[in-house]
Amino acid sequence: MISGQELREIAYEYKDYVVDMRREFHRYPELSGEEHHTRQVLIRELEDMKVPYRLLEGTGIIGIIEGARPGKARVLRADMDGLPVKEDTQNLRREKACVSGIEGVCHACGHDAHMAVLLGTMRALVRLREKLEGTVYCCFEEGEETNCGVETMLKALAQYPVEECFALHVYSGLDAGKVNVVPGPRMAGTVGIGFLVKGKAGHGSRPDQAANPIVPAAHIVTQIDSAFLNQLDAEETVTLSLCMFQSGDAPNVIPEQAYIAGTARFFNKEEGAKALNIVNTVAEHTALCHKCKVEFLPRNQVSLQPVINDRQVALEVSREIGQICGQEVLADCDRWYASECYSRYLELYPGALGLLGIRDESYGSGAAHHNGKFDIDESSLPLGVCAELAFVFK
C-alpha cells in the first residue's frame, strides 16, 4: 500500500516539470489533426521515461505503463489540440506567464495543461511501478475540438482489456486549488443543427412566381424556439442557439435557398433526441407550407452525448483525492454546458471526468474558455496529478 501523503509529496515534486511542459506546449500550439510537433515532444518525454508507446494513425499516441503487480487495466486521457484563436498577451489582470508563438493559434481551452498533468502523472507512475497494480494506458488524443481523433483512439483501446477510464478538464468556472469529481452529468451533449431550406429563385417583383426560402426559414427560426419551450421537459435543461442564417446576394433577387445552423445542448439523452426531432419536424412542415423543401446536412445530428460520470468511479476517486490532499480541495460546481468527446469513452467504460479549477482573480485567470484572454493558474496543476494518481491507486 502507498499512503495518500506519499502520493501527494511525489505529485508536488513534479510541479516545476509540469509547469515547464505546459508552457512548452502552450508556446507551440497546433490545430486539430495537425499536432505533429506536439507528438514529437510527447515522444521525447516518453522515451526519456523509458515508457513504451504506440503511435496511432494521425497524431495520437498511447503510452503504456505496466505495474509490477496484477490489477485492472485503466485509461488516463488527455487531449492535444489548440484553437484557431488569436491570443491576448494579457489575462484579466496582468501579462501572461507565456503566450503562443504561433500567430492565430493558441491553447485557449487548457489542452496544454491536460498533456502536462498527464506527463507528470506518468513520471510518478514510473517511479511507483513496483507498487502499481495493473496497466495504465496513457492516451494523448488528437483533435478533440473537431472530434477527429476519438474514434481512432477508441479503436486502438478496443485491443486492450480496459476496465475503467478517467480524464481531467481544467475549468475556469472553478477556483484554483479545487477539483470536482461527482457522479452524473458533468458536460453537455450536442445537437448539431444545419439544413437548407430550398425554394425557387425569381425576381423580387413577382414573389408569386417564385418560392422564397427566406420566408419559411424565418418562420422556422421562431417556431423551433416555441416548440422547444412547449414540448421539451421543463425539468430537463436544453439550450438552443441558432447562430447562422444565410441567404441571398441581391436586394431584388429571390434566392433559391437559405441556410440555418446552430446547436442545442442537453444533459439527458432522451431530451437530446427529442430536441433533434423537434428541429427536423418544424423545419420540414414549415417549409412545406411555403412550397419549399428541407435538405438536412451532415452536421444535423446528435454529434456528442453528454459526459455522464459513473457513480462508483466518481465517488471512489473523490474519496481518494480527499485522502491525498484533504477534503478542502473537493468543491461543488455547476454542470458545464460545453461538450467533450470524452463522452464516447464513458459510453464504453465506467469512468469519470474531473473538473480542475484554474480561476484566480488576483492572478487574472478565469476568462471563459475559447477566449483570447483565457489563462491558467499553474499552481493548480499538481492537484491535477494528485487527482489522476487517486484514480489509479483508489
Protein backbone atom coordinates (compact mmCIF):
# COMPACT_ATOMS: atom_id res chain seq x y z
CA MET A 1 0.00 0.00 0.00
CA ILE A 2 1.01 3.57 -0.62
CA SER A 3 -0.18 6.39 1.59
CA GLY A 4 -2.01 9.47 0.44
CA GLN A 5 0.73 11.64 1.91
CA GLU A 6 3.37 9.86 -0.17
CA LEU A 7 1.31 10.28 -3.34
CA ARG A 8 0.86 13.98 -2.63
CA GLU A 9 4.56 14.52 -1.96
CA ILE A 10 5.53 12.76 -5.18
CA ALA A 11 2.96 14.69 -7.22
CA TYR A 12 4.22 18.04 -5.94
CA GLU A 13 7.83 17.07 -6.60
CA TYR A 14 6.95 17.26 -10.29
CA LYS A 15 5.35 20.72 -10.08
CA ASP A 16 8.16 22.53 -11.91
CA TYR A 17 8.29 19.81 -14.57
CA VAL A 18 4.53 20.00 -15.18
CA VAL A 19 4.60 23.81 -15.39
CA ASP A 20 7.56 23.74 -17.79
CA MET A 21 5.80 21.20 -20.03
CA ARG A 22 2.58 23.19 -20.01
CA ARG A 23 4.49 26.27 -21.15
CA GLU A 24 6.31 24.35 -23.88
CA PHE A 25 3.04 23.03 -25.27
CA HIS A 26 1.49 26.49 -24.90
CA ARG A 27 4.19 28.20 -26.96
CA TYR A 28 3.76 25.78 -29.86
CA PRO A 29 0.03 25.10 -30.25
CA GLU A 30 -1.26 23.12 -33.23
CA LEU A 31 -4.74 22.77 -34.67
CA SER A 32 -6.86 19.62 -34.64
CA GLY A 33 -5.26 16.80 -36.60
CA GLU A 34 -2.05 18.78 -37.09
CA GLU A 35 -0.34 18.09 -33.75
CA HIS A 36 2.90 16.78 -35.31
CA HIS A 37 5.34 18.86 -33.25
CA THR A 38 3.28 18.17 -30.14
CA ARG A 39 3.57 14.44 -30.74
CA GLN A 40 7.34 14.71 -31.15
CA VAL A 41 7.56 16.44 -27.77
CA LEU A 42 5.46 13.68 -26.22
CA ILE A 43 7.66 11.00 -27.81
CA ARG A 44 10.74 12.74 -26.41
CA GLU A 45 9.29 12.71 -22.91
CA LEU A 46 8.03 9.11 -23.05
CA GLU A 47 11.38 7.87 -24.33
CA ASP A 48 13.13 9.77 -21.55
CA MET A 49 10.85 7.93 -19.07
CA LYS A 50 11.53 4.65 -20.91
CA VAL A 51 7.79 4.18 -21.32
CA PRO A 52 6.80 2.08 -24.35
CA TYR A 53 4.30 3.78 -26.61
CA ARG A 54 2.09 3.18 -29.60
CA LEU A 55 1.72 5.71 -32.41
CA LEU A 56 -1.76 5.87 -33.88
CA GLU A 57 -2.83 6.84 -37.36
CA GLY A 58 -2.86 10.62 -37.33
CA THR A 59 -1.11 12.23 -34.36
CA GLY A 60 -2.47 10.36 -31.33
CA ILE A 61 -0.23 8.34 -29.04
CA ILE A 62 -0.70 5.83 -26.19
CA GLY A 63 1.95 5.39 -23.50
CA ILE A 64 1.73 2.04 -21.70
CA ILE A 65 2.84 1.67 -18.07
CA GLU A 66 2.70 -1.87 -16.68
CA GLY A 67 2.75 -2.22 -12.93
CA ALA A 68 4.75 -4.87 -11.09
CA ARG A 69 1.57 -6.29 -9.59
CA PRO A 70 -1.57 -7.72 -11.22
CA GLY A 71 -4.61 -5.48 -11.35
CA LYS A 72 -7.03 -3.54 -13.51
CA ALA A 73 -6.39 -2.08 -16.93
CA ARG A 74 -7.13 1.64 -16.72
CA VAL A 75 -7.13 4.58 -19.12
CA LEU A 76 -5.95 8.12 -18.42
CA ARG A 77 -6.73 10.53 -21.24
CA ALA A 78 -5.51 13.99 -22.28
CA ASP A 79 -6.26 15.94 -25.46
CA MET A 80 -3.64 17.66 -27.62
CA ASP A 81 -5.03 20.34 -29.93
CA GLY A 82 -5.17 24.10 -29.78
CA LEU A 83 -7.71 26.50 -31.28
CA PRO A 84 -7.81 28.97 -34.19
CA VAL A 85 -7.94 31.87 -31.70
CA LYS A 86 -5.62 34.88 -31.53
CA GLU A 87 -4.17 35.02 -28.04
CA ASP A 88 -4.14 38.20 -25.98
CA THR A 89 -0.82 38.76 -24.19
CA GLN A 90 -2.74 39.74 -21.05
CA ASN A 91 -5.21 37.76 -18.99
CA LEU A 92 -7.93 39.53 -17.00
CA ARG A 93 -5.40 41.32 -14.80
CA ARG A 94 -1.77 41.12 -15.98
CA GLU A 95 0.72 39.89 -18.55
CA LYS A 96 0.54 36.15 -19.08
CA ALA A 97 3.41 33.91 -17.99
CA CYS A 98 3.65 32.58 -21.54
CA VAL A 99 1.86 33.12 -24.83
CA SER A 100 1.52 31.32 -28.11
CA GLY A 101 4.36 31.71 -30.58
CA ILE A 102 2.07 30.76 -33.48
CA GLU A 103 0.02 33.63 -34.88
CA GLY A 104 -3.72 32.98 -34.78
CA VAL A 105 -3.44 29.68 -32.88
CA CYS A 106 -3.40 29.18 -29.11
CA HIS A 107 -4.26 26.79 -26.31
CA ALA A 108 -7.39 28.64 -25.20
CA CYS A 109 -9.08 25.61 -23.66
CA GLY A 110 -6.35 24.08 -21.49
CA HIS A 111 -5.27 21.07 -23.50
CA ASP A 112 -1.66 22.13 -22.91
CA ALA A 113 -2.31 21.68 -19.18
CA HIS A 114 -4.02 18.33 -19.72
CA MET A 115 -0.96 16.94 -21.50
CA ALA A 116 1.44 18.38 -18.94
CA VAL A 117 -0.51 16.95 -16.00
CA LEU A 118 -0.65 13.51 -17.60
CA LEU A 119 3.10 13.58 -18.23
CA GLY A 120 3.63 14.44 -14.56
CA THR A 121 1.34 11.58 -13.56
CA MET A 122 3.29 9.22 -15.82
CA ARG A 123 6.60 10.17 -14.21
CA ALA A 124 5.07 9.45 -10.82
CA LEU A 125 3.71 6.09 -12.00
CA VAL A 126 7.08 5.05 -13.43
CA ARG A 127 8.63 5.88 -10.09
CA LEU A 128 5.93 3.87 -8.30
CA ARG A 129 5.91 0.96 -10.74
CA GLU A 130 6.75 -1.61 -8.03
CA LYS A 131 3.62 -0.60 -6.13
CA LEU A 132 1.42 -0.19 -9.21
CA GLU A 133 -1.29 -2.78 -9.79
CA GLY A 134 -2.30 -3.48 -13.38
CA THR A 135 -1.65 -1.45 -16.51
CA VAL A 136 -2.29 2.22 -17.22
CA TYR A 137 -2.86 3.29 -20.82
CA CYS A 138 -1.96 6.97 -21.06
CA CYS A 139 -3.83 8.34 -24.06
CA PHE A 140 -2.95 11.58 -25.82
CA GLU A 141 -5.87 12.16 -28.17
CA GLU A 142 -5.64 14.32 -31.27
CA GLY A 143 -8.29 16.71 -32.45
CA GLU A 144 -10.73 16.94 -29.55
CA GLU A 145 -12.04 20.29 -30.76
CA THR A 146 -13.19 18.75 -34.05
CA ASN A 147 -13.68 15.19 -32.72
CA CYS A 148 -11.34 13.93 -35.45
CA GLY A 149 -9.24 11.63 -33.26
CA VAL A 150 -11.59 9.97 -30.81
CA GLU A 151 -12.67 7.05 -32.98
CA THR A 152 -9.05 6.20 -33.83
CA MET A 153 -8.19 6.22 -30.13
CA LEU A 154 -11.16 4.08 -29.14
CA LYS A 155 -10.41 1.59 -31.91
CA ALA A 156 -6.88 1.24 -30.55
CA LEU A 157 -8.10 0.85 -26.96
CA ALA A 158 -10.51 -1.90 -28.02
CA GLN A 159 -7.46 -4.15 -28.35
CA TYR A 160 -6.77 -3.89 -24.61
CA PRO A 161 -8.81 -5.19 -21.63
CA VAL A 162 -9.74 -1.69 -20.42
CA GLU A 163 -11.93 -1.69 -17.30
CA GLU A 164 -12.11 1.98 -16.25
CA CYS A 165 -11.20 5.44 -17.52
CA PHE A 166 -10.52 8.89 -16.12
CA ALA A 167 -9.78 12.34 -17.52
CA LEU A 168 -9.41 15.89 -16.27
CA HIS A 169 -10.51 19.14 -17.81
CA VAL A 170 -9.29 22.46 -16.44
CA TYR A 171 -12.28 24.71 -15.75
CA SER A 172 -12.36 28.49 -15.48
CA GLY A 173 -15.62 28.32 -13.54
CA LEU A 174 -13.89 26.76 -10.52
CA ASP A 175 -11.28 28.27 -8.20
CA ALA A 176 -7.66 27.13 -8.42
CA GLY A 177 -6.81 24.61 -5.74
CA LYS A 178 -10.20 22.93 -6.08
CA VAL A 179 -11.31 19.86 -8.01
CA ASN A 180 -14.76 18.46 -8.72
CA VAL A 181 -15.38 14.75 -9.32
CA VAL A 182 -19.03 13.81 -8.78
CA PRO A 183 -21.49 11.30 -10.27
CA GLY A 184 -23.89 12.11 -13.07
CA PRO A 185 -23.90 14.59 -15.98
CA ARG A 186 -20.95 17.00 -15.98
CA MET A 187 -20.73 18.31 -19.56
CA ALA A 188 -23.44 18.70 -22.16
CA GLY A 189 -24.28 16.70 -25.24
CA THR A 190 -24.62 18.48 -28.57
CA VAL A 191 -27.30 18.53 -31.22
CA GLY A 192 -25.78 19.96 -34.36
CA ILE A 193 -28.27 21.96 -36.39
CA GLY A 194 -27.63 22.59 -40.06
CA PHE A 195 -30.01 22.49 -43.02
CA LEU A 196 -31.00 24.19 -46.24
CA VAL A 197 -34.47 25.50 -46.94
CA LYS A 198 -34.77 25.08 -50.71
CA GLY A 199 -37.26 27.06 -52.77
CA LYS A 200 -37.43 28.52 -56.26
CA ALA A 201 -35.45 31.58 -57.33
CA GLY A 202 -37.11 34.52 -59.01
CA HIS A 203 -37.36 38.28 -59.48
CA GLY A 204 -38.17 40.32 -56.41
CA SER A 205 -41.06 41.98 -58.20
CA ARG A 206 -43.01 38.71 -58.60
CA PRO A 207 -42.84 36.62 -55.43
CA ASP A 208 -45.88 34.67 -56.63
CA GLN A 209 -43.77 33.20 -59.44
CA ALA A 210 -41.07 32.01 -57.05
CA ALA A 211 -40.87 30.18 -53.73
CA ASN A 212 -38.89 32.44 -51.42
CA PRO A 213 -36.99 30.26 -48.89
CA ILE A 214 -36.28 33.21 -46.62
CA VAL A 215 -39.91 33.41 -45.50
CA PRO A 216 -40.25 29.81 -44.24
CA ALA A 217 -36.70 29.95 -42.89
CA ALA A 218 -37.64 32.95 -40.75
CA HIS A 219 -40.73 31.12 -39.50
CA ILE A 220 -38.63 28.03 -38.76
CA VAL A 221 -36.31 30.04 -36.52
CA THR A 222 -39.18 31.32 -34.38
CA GLN A 223 -41.15 28.07 -34.45
CA ILE A 224 -38.24 25.92 -33.26
CA ASP A 225 -37.85 28.23 -30.28
CA SER A 226 -41.56 27.99 -29.47
CA ALA A 227 -41.63 24.22 -29.92
CA PHE A 228 -38.67 23.78 -27.57
CA LEU A 229 -40.48 25.83 -24.94
CA ASN A 230 -43.70 23.86 -25.23
CA GLN A 231 -42.55 20.31 -25.96
CA LEU A 232 -39.33 19.65 -24.05
CA ASP A 233 -39.42 18.55 -20.42
CA ALA A 234 -39.43 21.71 -18.32
CA GLU A 235 -37.30 19.97 -15.66
CA GLU A 236 -34.58 18.98 -18.13
CA THR A 237 -32.29 21.76 -19.33
CA VAL A 238 -31.91 22.04 -23.11
CA THR A 239 -30.38 25.21 -24.56
CA LEU A 240 -30.87 26.39 -28.15
CA SER A 241 -28.65 28.73 -30.16
CA LEU A 242 -29.39 29.37 -33.83
CA CYS A 243 -26.26 31.19 -34.88
CA MET A 244 -26.31 31.27 -38.68
CA PHE A 245 -28.95 32.46 -41.14
CA GLN A 246 -27.58 32.96 -44.64
CA SER A 247 -29.43 33.67 -47.86
CA GLY A 248 -29.44 35.92 -50.87
CA ASP A 249 -26.93 38.11 -52.68
CA ALA A 250 -29.06 40.97 -54.02
CA PRO A 251 -31.99 43.03 -52.71
CA ASN A 252 -34.21 42.36 -55.74
CA VAL A 253 -33.47 38.67 -56.37
CA ILE A 254 -35.35 35.91 -54.56
CA PRO A 255 -32.70 33.31 -53.71
CA GLU A 256 -33.01 29.60 -54.27
CA GLN A 257 -32.11 28.55 -50.74
CA ALA A 258 -31.49 29.68 -47.16
CA TYR A 259 -29.12 28.12 -44.65
CA ILE A 260 -29.81 27.79 -40.92
CA ALA A 261 -27.29 26.43 -38.39
CA GLY A 262 -26.72 26.30 -34.67
CA THR A 263 -26.59 23.95 -31.72
CA ALA A 264 -28.70 22.65 -28.86
CA ARG A 265 -27.05 21.41 -25.65
CA PHE A 266 -28.52 18.84 -23.28
CA PHE A 267 -27.72 16.62 -20.28
CA ASN A 268 -30.44 13.99 -20.76
CA LYS A 269 -30.01 11.71 -23.78
CA GLU A 270 -33.75 11.32 -24.36
CA GLU A 271 -34.29 15.07 -24.37
CA GLY A 272 -31.41 15.47 -26.82
CA ALA A 273 -33.03 13.03 -29.24
CA LYS A 274 -36.36 14.80 -28.76
CA ALA A 275 -34.75 18.18 -29.47
CA LEU A 276 -33.37 16.93 -32.80
CA ASN A 277 -36.76 15.52 -33.75
CA ILE A 278 -38.42 18.86 -32.98
CA VAL A 279 -35.92 20.71 -35.18
CA ASN A 280 -36.48 18.32 -38.08
CA THR A 281 -40.27 18.25 -37.77
CA VAL A 282 -40.66 22.02 -37.52
CA ALA A 283 -38.29 22.61 -40.44
CA GLU A 284 -39.94 20.12 -42.81
CA HIS A 285 -43.54 21.05 -42.08
CA THR A 286 -42.97 24.81 -42.08
CA ALA A 287 -41.08 24.64 -45.37
CA LEU A 288 -43.87 22.56 -46.93
CA CYS A 289 -46.44 25.24 -46.09
CA HIS A 290 -44.44 27.67 -48.26
CA LYS A 291 -43.86 25.34 -51.21
CA CYS A 292 -40.29 24.67 -50.11
CA LYS A 293 -38.29 21.63 -49.07
CA VAL A 294 -35.59 20.99 -46.49
CA GLU A 295 -32.24 19.33 -47.08
CA PHE A 296 -30.58 18.23 -43.84
CA LEU A 297 -26.79 18.46 -43.93
CA PRO A 298 -24.34 16.05 -42.22
CA ARG A 299 -23.95 18.27 -39.14
CA ASN A 300 -27.70 17.97 -38.44
CA GLN A 301 -27.49 15.20 -35.85
CA VAL A 302 -26.70 14.41 -32.24
CA SER A 303 -22.93 14.75 -32.56
CA LEU A 304 -21.98 14.13 -28.93
CA GLN A 305 -23.76 12.66 -25.95
CA PRO A 306 -23.34 14.28 -22.51
CA VAL A 307 -20.41 13.42 -20.26
CA ILE A 308 -22.03 11.30 -17.54
CA ASN A 309 -19.79 10.14 -14.71
CA ASP A 310 -20.16 6.62 -13.36
CA ARG A 311 -21.35 6.85 -9.77
CA GLN A 312 -18.96 4.32 -8.23
CA VAL A 313 -15.85 5.54 -10.05
CA ALA A 314 -16.59 9.20 -9.31
CA LEU A 315 -17.19 8.57 -5.60
CA GLU A 316 -14.09 6.39 -5.26
CA VAL A 317 -11.85 8.94 -6.97
CA SER A 318 -13.29 11.82 -4.96
CA ARG A 319 -12.77 9.93 -1.72
CA GLU A 320 -9.17 9.12 -2.63
CA ILE A 321 -8.44 12.74 -3.60
CA GLY A 322 -9.72 13.77 -0.18
CA GLN A 323 -7.34 11.31 1.47
CA ILE A 324 -4.39 12.53 -0.58
CA CYS A 325 -4.96 16.29 -0.48
CA GLY A 326 -7.58 16.87 2.20
CA GLN A 327 -11.33 17.32 1.96
CA GLU A 328 -10.91 21.07 1.48
CA VAL A 329 -9.81 20.63 -2.16
CA LEU A 330 -13.12 18.98 -3.10
CA ALA A 331 -15.62 21.52 -4.38
CA ASP A 332 -19.06 21.70 -5.92
CA CYS A 333 -19.63 23.42 -9.24
CA ASP A 334 -22.40 23.61 -11.80
CA ARG A 335 -22.58 21.39 -14.84
CA TRP A 336 -20.63 22.77 -17.78
CA TYR A 337 -22.58 23.45 -20.99
CA ALA A 338 -19.60 22.81 -23.25
CA SER A 339 -19.33 19.39 -24.91
CA GLU A 340 -16.48 16.87 -24.86
CA CYS A 341 -15.83 13.80 -26.99
CA TYR A 342 -14.61 12.09 -23.80
CA SER A 343 -18.29 11.16 -23.54
CA ARG A 344 -17.50 8.43 -26.09
CA TYR A 345 -15.15 6.76 -23.58
CA LEU A 346 -17.86 6.83 -20.92
CA GLU A 347 -20.27 5.09 -23.28
CA LEU A 348 -17.81 2.16 -23.36
CA TYR A 349 -16.18 2.09 -19.91
CA PRO A 350 -17.13 3.03 -16.35
CA GLY A 351 -15.27 6.22 -15.64
CA ALA A 352 -15.35 9.87 -14.72
CA LEU A 353 -14.30 13.34 -15.79
CA GLY A 354 -12.90 15.64 -13.13
CA LEU A 355 -13.04 19.43 -13.38
CA LEU A 356 -9.82 21.07 -12.19
CA GLY A 357 -10.19 24.66 -11.02
CA ILE A 358 -7.89 27.29 -12.55
CA ARG A 359 -9.64 30.58 -11.60
CA ASP A 360 -7.72 33.12 -9.52
CA GLU A 361 -8.98 36.69 -9.58
CA SER A 362 -5.80 38.11 -8.06
CA TYR A 363 -3.69 36.48 -10.77
CA GLY A 364 -6.15 37.20 -13.56
CA SER A 365 -7.18 33.72 -14.66
CA GLY A 366 -10.87 32.98 -15.06
CA ALA A 367 -11.69 34.19 -18.58
CA ALA A 368 -14.02 31.90 -20.47
CA HIS A 369 -12.60 29.02 -22.47
CA HIS A 370 -12.07 29.62 -26.23
CA ASN A 371 -11.23 33.24 -25.44
CA GLY A 372 -8.04 35.14 -26.20
CA LYS A 373 -7.68 36.16 -22.54
CA PHE A 374 -8.04 32.58 -21.26
CA ASP A 375 -5.26 31.71 -18.83
CA ILE A 376 -4.40 29.12 -16.19
CA ASP A 377 -3.27 29.50 -12.61
CA GLU A 378 -0.42 27.00 -12.88
CA SER A 379 -0.37 26.39 -9.12
CA SER A 380 -3.42 24.16 -9.70
CA LEU A 381 -1.54 21.66 -11.90
CA PRO A 382 -0.04 19.41 -9.17
CA LEU A 383 -3.56 18.90 -7.82
CA GLY A 384 -4.39 17.50 -11.26
CA VAL A 385 -1.55 14.99 -10.88
CA CYS A 386 -2.94 14.05 -7.46
CA ALA A 387 -6.40 13.51 -8.97
CA GLU A 388 -5.04 11.19 -11.66
CA LEU A 389 -2.97 9.27 -9.13
CA ALA A 390 -6.11 9.00 -6.98
CA PHE A 391 -7.86 7.26 -9.87
CA VAL A 392 -5.00 4.82 -10.41
CA PHE A 393 -4.46 3.97 -6.73
CA LYS A 394 -8.06 4.13 -5.47
